[in-house]
Amino acid sequence: METPESISNLASETATVAPESQAEATPQKPEGSYVKHAMRNMVRKRGTSIKHFVLTTVGLLSLLVGLAYITR
């Protein structure tokens, strides 16, 4: 049976080894490419974003007004 000291030593050894093995396994990607792509899409599809924002706002306000009316 393992003692608490050997368990803590084992845990600290695995904690120090894990990041090194993960760093080798992950491929190098340029940072920010996803964000740049998302921002570009938002600018390109400006009308869609505004339409979705307006629909969401109207829907939430309708829900709140409806709940206030029902529960008065």
PDB file of N, CA and C in Angstrom:
ATOM      1  N   MET A   1       0.845  -1.174   0.000  1.00  0.00           N
ATOM      2  CA  MET A   1       0.000   0.000   0.000  1.00  0.00           C
ATOM      3  C   MET A   1       0.894   1.241   0.000  1.00  0.00           C
ATOM      4  N   GLU A   2       0.455   2.259  -0.743  1.00  0.00           N
ATOM      5  CA  GLU A   2       1.261   3.464  -0.858  1.00  0.00           C
ATOM      6  C   GLU A   2       0.972   4.407   0.302  1.00  0.00           C
ATOM      7  N   THR A   3       2.018   5.079   0.738  1.00  0.00           N
ATOM      8  CA  THR A   3       1.856   6.044   1.818  1.00  0.00           C
ATOM      9  C   THR A   3       1.472   7.397   1.228  1.00  0.00           C
ATOM     10  N   PRO A   4       0.941   8.281   2.043  1.00  0.00           N
ATOM     11  CA  PRO A   4       0.569   9.609   1.526  1.00  0.00           C
ATOM     12  C   PRO A   4       1.749  10.365   0.923  1.00  0.00           C
ATOM     13  N   GLU A   5       2.960  10.151   1.475  1.00  0.00           N
ATOM     14  CA  GLU A   5       4.133  10.836   0.935  1.00  0.00           C
ATOM     15  C   GLU A   5       4.441  10.348  -0.476  1.00  0.00           C
ATOM     16  N   SER A   6       4.332   9.041  -0.704  1.00  0.00           N
ATOM     17  CA  SER A   6       4.630   8.519  -2.035  1.00  0.00           C
ATOM     18  C   SER A   6       3.564   8.931  -3.035  1.00  0.00           C
ATOM     19  N   ILE A   7       2.322   9.063  -2.570  1.00  0.00           N
ATOM     20  CA  ILE A   7       1.249   9.510  -3.461  1.00  0.00           C
ATOM     21  C   ILE A   7       1.484  10.968  -3.859  1.00  0.00           C
ATOM     22  N   SER A   8       1.863  11.819  -2.886  1.00  0.00           N
ATOM     23  CA  SER A   8       2.099  13.223  -3.214  1.00  0.00           C
ATOM     24  C   SER A   8       3.312  13.368  -4.119  1.00  0.00           C
ATOM     25  N   ASN A   9       4.353  12.521  -3.909  1.00  0.00           N
ATOM     26  CA  ASN A   9       5.518  12.563  -4.787  1.00  0.00           C
ATOM     27  C   ASN A   9       5.130  12.143  -6.198  1.00  0.00           C
ATOM     28  N   LEU A  10       4.297  11.121  -6.311  1.00  0.00           N
ATOM     29  CA  LEU A  10       3.844  10.648  -7.609  1.00  0.00           C
ATOM     30  C   LEU A  10       3.025  11.729  -8.305  1.00  0.00           C
ATOM     31  N   ALA A  11       2.159  12.406  -7.546  1.00  0.00           N
ATOM     32  CA  ALA A  11       1.331  13.462  -8.120  1.00  0.00           C
ATOM     33  C   ALA A  11       2.193  14.626  -8.602  1.00  0.00           C
ATOM     34  N   SER A  12       3.228  14.982  -7.833  1.00  0.00           N
ATOM     35  CA  SER A  12       4.079  16.093  -8.257  1.00  0.00           C
ATOM     36  C   SER A  12       4.914  15.708  -9.469  1.00  0.00           C
ATOM     37  N   GLU A  13       5.317  14.440  -9.566  1.00  0.00           N
ATOM     38  CA  GLU A  13       6.072  13.991 -10.738  1.00  0.00           C
ATOM     39  C   GLU A  13       5.201  14.030 -11.977  1.00  0.00           C
ATOM     40  N   THR A  14       3.958  13.579 -11.875  1.00  0.00           N
ATOM     41  CA  THR A  14       3.071  13.597 -13.042  1.00  0.00           C
ATOM     42  C   THR A  14       2.707  15.027 -13.407  1.00  0.00           C
ATOM     43  N   ALA A  15       2.600  15.905 -12.438  1.00  0.00           N
ATOM     44  CA  ALA A  15       2.264  17.294 -12.735  1.00  0.00           C
ATOM     45  C   ALA A  15       3.388  17.967 -13.518  1.00  0.00           C
ATOM     46  N   THR A  16       4.634  17.605 -13.221  1.00  0.00           N
ATOM     47  CA  THR A  16       5.738  18.235 -13.938  1.00  0.00           C
ATOM     48  C   THR A  16       5.951  17.601 -15.305  1.00  0.00           C
ATOM     49  N   VAL A  17       5.570  16.360 -15.491  1.00  0.00           N
ATOM     50  CA  VAL A  17       5.777  15.685 -16.771  1.00  0.00           C
ATOM     51  C   VAL A  17       4.661  16.006 -17.752  1.00  0.00           C
ATOM     52  N   ALA A  18       3.440  16.176 -17.282  1.00  0.00           N
ATOM     53  CA  ALA A  18       2.285  16.350 -18.161  1.00  0.00           C
ATOM     54  C   ALA A  18       2.396  17.557 -19.096  1.00  0.00           C
ATOM     55  N   PRO A  19       2.774  18.752 -18.628  1.00  0.00           N
ATOM     56  CA  PRO A  19       2.825  19.876 -19.558  1.00  0.00           C
ATOM     57  C   PRO A  19       3.847  19.689 -20.680  1.00  0.00           C
ATOM     58  N   GLU A  20       4.957  19.035 -20.387  1.00  0.00           N
ATOM     59  CA  GLU A  20       5.965  18.832 -21.418  1.00  0.00           C
ATOM     60  C   GLU A  20       5.440  17.926 -22.522  1.00  0.00           C
ATOM     61  N   SER A  21       4.743  16.853 -22.147  1.00  0.00           N
ATOM     62  CA  SER A  21       4.235  15.929 -23.160  1.00  0.00           C
ATOM     63  C   SER A  21       3.102  16.563 -23.957  1.00  0.00           C
ATOM     64  N   GLN A  22       2.310  17.428 -23.335  1.00  0.00           N
ATOM     65  CA  GLN A  22       1.231  18.109 -24.049  1.00  0.00           C
ATOM     66  C   GLN A  22       1.791  19.131 -25.026  1.00  0.00           C
ATOM     67  N   ALA A  23       2.880  19.801 -24.661  1.00  0.00           N
ATOM     68  CA  ALA A  23       3.461  20.808 -25.539  1.00  0.00           C
ATOM     69  C   ALA A  23       3.986  20.167 -26.815  1.00  0.00           C
ATOM     70  N   GLU A  24       4.530  18.974 -26.707  1.00  0.00           N
ATOM     71  CA  GLU A  24       5.052  18.292 -27.886  1.00  0.00           C
ATOM     72  C   GLU A  24       3.916  17.793 -28.779  1.00  0.00           C
ATOM     73  N   ALA A  25       2.784  17.420 -28.200  1.00  0.00           N
ATOM     74  CA  ALA A  25       1.698  16.831 -28.962  1.00  0.00           C
ATOM     75  C   ALA A  25       0.888  17.868 -29.732  1.00  0.00           C
ATOM     76  N   THR A  26       0.807  19.112 -29.243  1.00  0.00           N
ATOM     77  CA  THR A  26      -0.017  20.114 -29.909  1.00  0.00           C
ATOM     78  C   THR A  26       0.746  20.740 -31.066  1.00  0.00           C
ATOM     79  N   PRO A  27       0.122  20.814 -32.235  1.00  0.00           N
ATOM     80  CA  PRO A  27       0.790  21.441 -33.371  1.00  0.00           C
ATOM     81  C   PRO A  27       0.816  22.953 -33.216  1.00  0.00           C
ATOM     82  N   GLN A  28       1.799  23.584 -33.799  1.00  0.00           N
ATOM     83  CA  GLN A  28       1.930  25.034 -33.723  1.00  0.00           C
ATOM     84  C   GLN A  28       0.982  25.684 -34.718  1.00  0.00           C
ATOM     85  N   LYS A  29       0.086  26.563 -34.240  1.00  0.00           N
ATOM     86  CA  LYS A  29      -0.845  27.285 -35.091  1.00  0.00           C
ATOM     87  C   LYS A  29      -0.589  28.772 -34.902  1.00  0.00           C
ATOM     88  N   PRO A  30      -0.797  29.551 -35.919  1.00  0.00           N
ATOM     89  CA  PRO A  30      -0.657  30.992 -35.724  1.00  0.00           C
ATOM     90  C   PRO A  30      -1.760  31.512 -34.811  1.00  0.00           C
ATOM     91  N   GLU A  31      -1.382  32.310 -33.832  1.00  0.00           N
ATOM     92  CA  GLU A  31      -2.364  32.805 -32.864  1.00  0.00           C
ATOM     93  C   GLU A  31      -3.211  33.900 -33.486  1.00  0.00           C
ATOM     94  N   GLY A  32      -4.472  33.931 -33.110  1.00  0.00           N
ATOM     95  CA  GLY A  32      -5.348  34.989 -33.540  1.00  0.00           C
ATOM     96  C   GLY A  32      -5.993  34.768 -34.895  1.00  0.00           C
ATOM     97  N   SER A  33      -5.703  33.692 -35.581  1.00  0.00           N
ATOM     98  CA  SER A  33      -6.293  33.497 -36.899  1.00  0.00           C
ATOM     99  C   SER A  33      -7.800  33.290 -36.794  1.00  0.00           C
ATOM    100  N   TYR A  34      -8.250  32.587 -35.777  1.00  0.00           N
ATOM    101  CA  TYR A  34      -9.678  32.367 -35.591  1.00  0.00           C
ATOM    102  C   TYR A  34     -10.378  33.686 -35.284  1.00  0.00           C
ATOM    103  N   VAL A  35      -9.763  34.500 -34.442  1.00  0.00           N
ATOM    104  CA  VAL A  35     -10.359  35.782 -34.076  1.00  0.00           C
ATOM    105  C   VAL A  35     -10.428  36.695 -35.292  1.00  0.00           C
ATOM    106  N   LYS A  36      -9.363  36.734 -36.075  1.00  0.00           N
ATOM    107  CA  LYS A  36      -9.360  37.560 -37.285  1.00  0.00           C
ATOM    108  C   LYS A  36     -10.448  37.107 -38.248  1.00  0.00           C
ATOM    109  N   HIS A  37     -10.592  35.818 -38.396  1.00  0.00           N
ATOM    110  CA  HIS A  37     -11.615  35.270 -39.292  1.00  0.00           C
ATOM    111  C   HIS A  37     -13.015  35.636 -38.793  1.00  0.00           C
ATOM    112  N   ALA A  38     -13.253  35.521 -37.499  1.00  0.00           N
ATOM    113  CA  ALA A  38     -14.562  35.842 -36.926  1.00  0.00           C
ATOM    114  C   ALA A  38     -14.875  37.328 -37.082  1.00  0.00           C
ATOM    115  N   MET A  39     -13.889  38.170 -36.850  1.00  0.00           N
ATOM    116  CA  MET A  39     -14.101  39.613 -37.001  1.00  0.00           C
ATOM    117  C   MET A  39     -14.391  39.972 -38.453  1.00  0.00           C
ATOM    118  N   ARG A  40     -13.678  39.341 -39.365  1.00  0.00           N
ATOM    119  CA  ARG A  40     -13.893  39.593 -40.788  1.00  0.00           C
ATOM    120  C   ARG A  40     -15.313  39.196 -41.186  1.00  0.00           C
ATOM    121  N   ASN A  41     -15.784  38.056 -40.685  1.00  0.00           N
ATOM    122  CA  ASN A  41     -17.143  37.609 -40.987  1.00  0.00           C
ATOM    123  C   ASN A  41     -18.184  38.558 -40.400  1.00  0.00           C
ATOM    124  N   MET A  42     -17.939  39.080 -39.204  1.00  0.00           N
ATOM    125  CA  MET A  42     -18.886  40.001 -38.589  1.00  0.00           C
ATOM    126  C   MET A  42     -19.009  41.280 -39.405  1.00  0.00           C
ATOM    127  N   VAL A  43     -17.881  41.778 -39.913  1.00  0.00           N
ATOM    128  CA  VAL A  43     -17.914  43.001 -40.720  1.00  0.00           C
ATOM    129  C   VAL A  43     -18.595  42.733 -42.051  1.00  0.00           C
ATOM    130  N   ARG A  44     -18.308  41.585 -42.634  1.00  0.00           N
ATOM    131  CA  ARG A  44     -18.876  41.248 -43.937  1.00  0.00           C
ATOM    132  C   ARG A  44     -20.377  41.036 -43.849  1.00  0.00           C
ATOM    133  N   LYS A  45     -20.853  40.459 -42.752  1.00  0.00           N
ATOM    134  CA  LYS A  45     -22.280  40.138 -42.602  1.00  0.00           C
ATOM    135  C   LYS A  45     -22.924  41.057 -41.572  1.00  0.00           C
ATOM    136  N   ARG A  46     -22.708  42.342 -41.729  1.00  0.00           N
ATOM    137  CA  ARG A  46     -23.178  43.320 -40.752  1.00  0.00           C
ATOM    138  C   ARG A  46     -24.694  43.304 -40.614  1.00  0.00           C
ATOM    139  N   GLY A  47     -25.421  43.226 -41.716  1.00  0.00           N
ATOM    140  CA  GLY A  47     -26.884  43.234 -41.678  1.00  0.00           C
ATOM    141  C   GLY A  47     -27.445  42.058 -40.909  1.00  0.00           C
ATOM    142  N   THR A  48     -26.852  40.907 -41.079  1.00  0.00           N
ATOM    143  CA  THR A  48     -27.313  39.703 -40.374  1.00  0.00           C
ATOM    144  C   THR A  48     -27.111  39.855 -38.876  1.00  0.00           C
ATOM    145  N   SER A  49     -25.963  40.398 -38.478  1.00  0.00           N
ATOM    146  CA  SER A  49     -25.690  40.577 -37.051  1.00  0.00           C
ATOM    147  C   SER A  49     -26.675  41.544 -36.427  1.00  0.00           C
ATOM    148  N   ILE A  50     -26.960  42.637 -37.119  1.00  0.00           N
ATOM    149  CA  ILE A  50     -27.898  43.628 -36.593  1.00  0.00           C
ATOM    150  C   ILE A  50     -29.297  43.030 -36.509  1.00  0.00           C
ATOM    151  N   LYS A  51     -29.688  42.267 -37.529  1.00  0.00           N
ATOM    152  CA  LYS A  51     -31.013  41.644 -37.533  1.00  0.00           C
ATOM    153  C   LYS A  51     -31.157  40.673 -36.365  1.00  0.00           C
ATOM    154  N   HIS A  52     -30.140  39.863 -36.129  1.00  0.00           N
ATOM    155  CA  HIS A  52     -30.189  38.904 -35.020  1.00  0.00           C
ATOM    156  C   HIS A  52     -30.226  39.624 -33.676  1.00  0.00           C
ATOM    157  N   PHE A  53     -29.471  40.716 -33.556  1.00  0.00           N
ATOM    158  CA  PHE A  53     -29.478  41.483 -32.309  1.00  0.00           C
ATOM    159  C   PHE A  53     -30.862  42.066 -32.044  1.00  0.00           C
ATOM    160  N   VAL A  54     -31.484  42.634 -33.074  1.00  0.00           N
ATOM    161  CA  VAL A  54     -32.811  43.235 -32.926  1.00  0.00           C
ATOM    162  C   VAL A  54     -33.848  42.167 -32.580  1.00  0.00           C
ATOM    163  N   LEU A  55     -33.794  41.031 -33.264  1.00  0.00           N
ATOM    164  CA  LEU A  55     -34.747  39.957 -32.971  1.00  0.00           C
ATOM    165  C   LEU A  55     -34.589  39.445 -31.546  1.00  0.00           C
ATOM    166  N   THR A  56     -33.356  39.310 -31.089  1.00  0.00           N
ATOM    167  CA  THR A  56     -33.104  38.846 -29.723  1.00  0.00           C
ATOM    168  C   THR A  56     -33.625  39.857 -28.713  1.00  0.00           C
ATOM    169  N   THR A  57     -33.368  41.133 -28.952  1.00  0.00           N
ATOM    170  CA  THR A  57     -33.831  42.179 -28.036  1.00  0.00           C
ATOM    171  C   THR A  57     -35.351  42.219 -27.969  1.00  0.00           C
ATOM    172  N   VAL A  58     -36.004  42.182 -29.127  1.00  0.00           N
ATOM    173  CA  VAL A  58     -37.472  42.208 -29.158  1.00  0.00           C
ATOM    174  C   VAL A  58     -38.042  40.963 -28.480  1.00  0.00           C
ATOM    175  N   GLY A  59     -37.431  39.815 -28.718  1.00  0.00           N
ATOM    176  CA  GLY A  59     -37.901  38.582 -28.097  1.00  0.00           C
ATOM    177  C   GLY A  59     -37.784  38.610 -26.587  1.00  0.00           C
ATOM    178  N   LEU A  60     -36.645  39.086 -26.083  1.00  0.00           N
ATOM    179  CA  LEU A  60     -36.461  39.152 -24.629  1.00  0.00           C
ATOM    180  C   LEU A  60     -37.412  40.164 -23.994  1.00  0.00           C
ATOM    181  N   LEU A  61     -37.570  41.318 -24.641  1.00  0.00           N
ATOM    182  CA  LEU A  61     -38.504  42.309 -24.096  1.00  0.00           C
ATOM    183  C   LEU A  61     -39.931  41.776 -24.101  1.00  0.00           C
ATOM    184  N   SER A  62     -40.311  41.083 -25.172  1.00  0.00           N
ATOM    185  CA  SER A  62     -41.653  40.490 -25.241  1.00  0.00           C
ATOM    186  C   SER A  62     -41.853  39.469 -24.135  1.00  0.00           C
ATOM    187  N   LEU A  63     -40.851  38.656 -23.910  1.00  0.00           N
ATOM    188  CA  LEU A  63     -40.933  37.656 -22.852  1.00  0.00           C
ATOM    189  C   LEU A  63     -41.100  38.316 -21.492  1.00  0.00           C
ATOM    190  N   LEU A  64     -40.299  39.336 -21.217  1.00  0.00           N
ATOM    191  CA  LEU A  64     -40.392  40.009 -19.922  1.00  0.00           C
ATOM    192  C   LEU A  64     -41.732  40.711 -19.741  1.00  0.00           C
ATOM    193  N   VAL A  65     -42.213  41.388 -20.774  1.00  0.00           N
ATOM    194  CA  VAL A  65     -43.512  42.067 -20.687  1.00  0.00           C
ATOM    195  C   VAL A  65     -44.626  41.042 -20.530  1.00  0.00           C
ATOM    196  N   GLY A  66     -44.534  39.943 -21.260  1.00  0.00           N
ATOM    197  CA  GLY A  66     -45.537  38.890 -21.149  1.00  0.00           C
ATOM    198  C   GLY A  66     -45.571  38.274 -19.766  1.00  0.00           C
ATOM    199  N   LEU A  67     -44.406  37.993 -19.214  1.00  0.00           N
ATOM    200  CA  LEU A  67     -44.346  37.440 -17.849  1.00  0.00           C
ATOM    201  C   LEU A  67     -44.855  38.437 -16.815  1.00  0.00           C
ATOM    202  N   ALA A  68     -44.546  39.715 -17.000  1.00  0.00           N
ATOM    203  CA  ALA A  68     -45.033  40.742 -16.067  1.00  0.00           C
ATOM    204  C   ALA A  68     -46.553  40.841 -16.133  1.00  0.00           C
ATOM    205  N   TYR A  69     -47.099  40.728 -17.346  1.00  0.00           N
ATOM    206  CA  TYR A  69     -48.555  40.805 -17.519  1.00  0.00           C
ATOM    207  C   TYR A  69     -49.254  39.615 -16.891  1.00  0.00           C
ATOM    208  N   ILE A  70     -48.674  38.434 -17.104  1.00  0.00           N
ATOM    209  CA  ILE A  70     -49.290  37.206 -16.575  1.00  0.00           C
ATOM    210  C   ILE A  70     -49.248  37.169 -15.051  1.00  0.00           C
ATOM    211  N   THR A  71     -48.158  37.623 -14.462  1.00  0.00           N
ATOM    212  CA  THR A  71     -47.959  37.473 -13.013  1.00  0.00           C
ATOM    213  C   THR A  71     -48.424  38.678 -12.211  1.00  0.00           C
ATOM    214  N   ARG A  72     -49.111  39.628 -12.816  1.00  0.00           N
ATOM    215  CA  ARG A  72     -49.529  40.818 -12.039  1.00  0.00           C
ATOM    216  C   ARG A  72     -50.677  40.543 -11.119  1.00  0.00           C
TER     217      ARG A  72
END
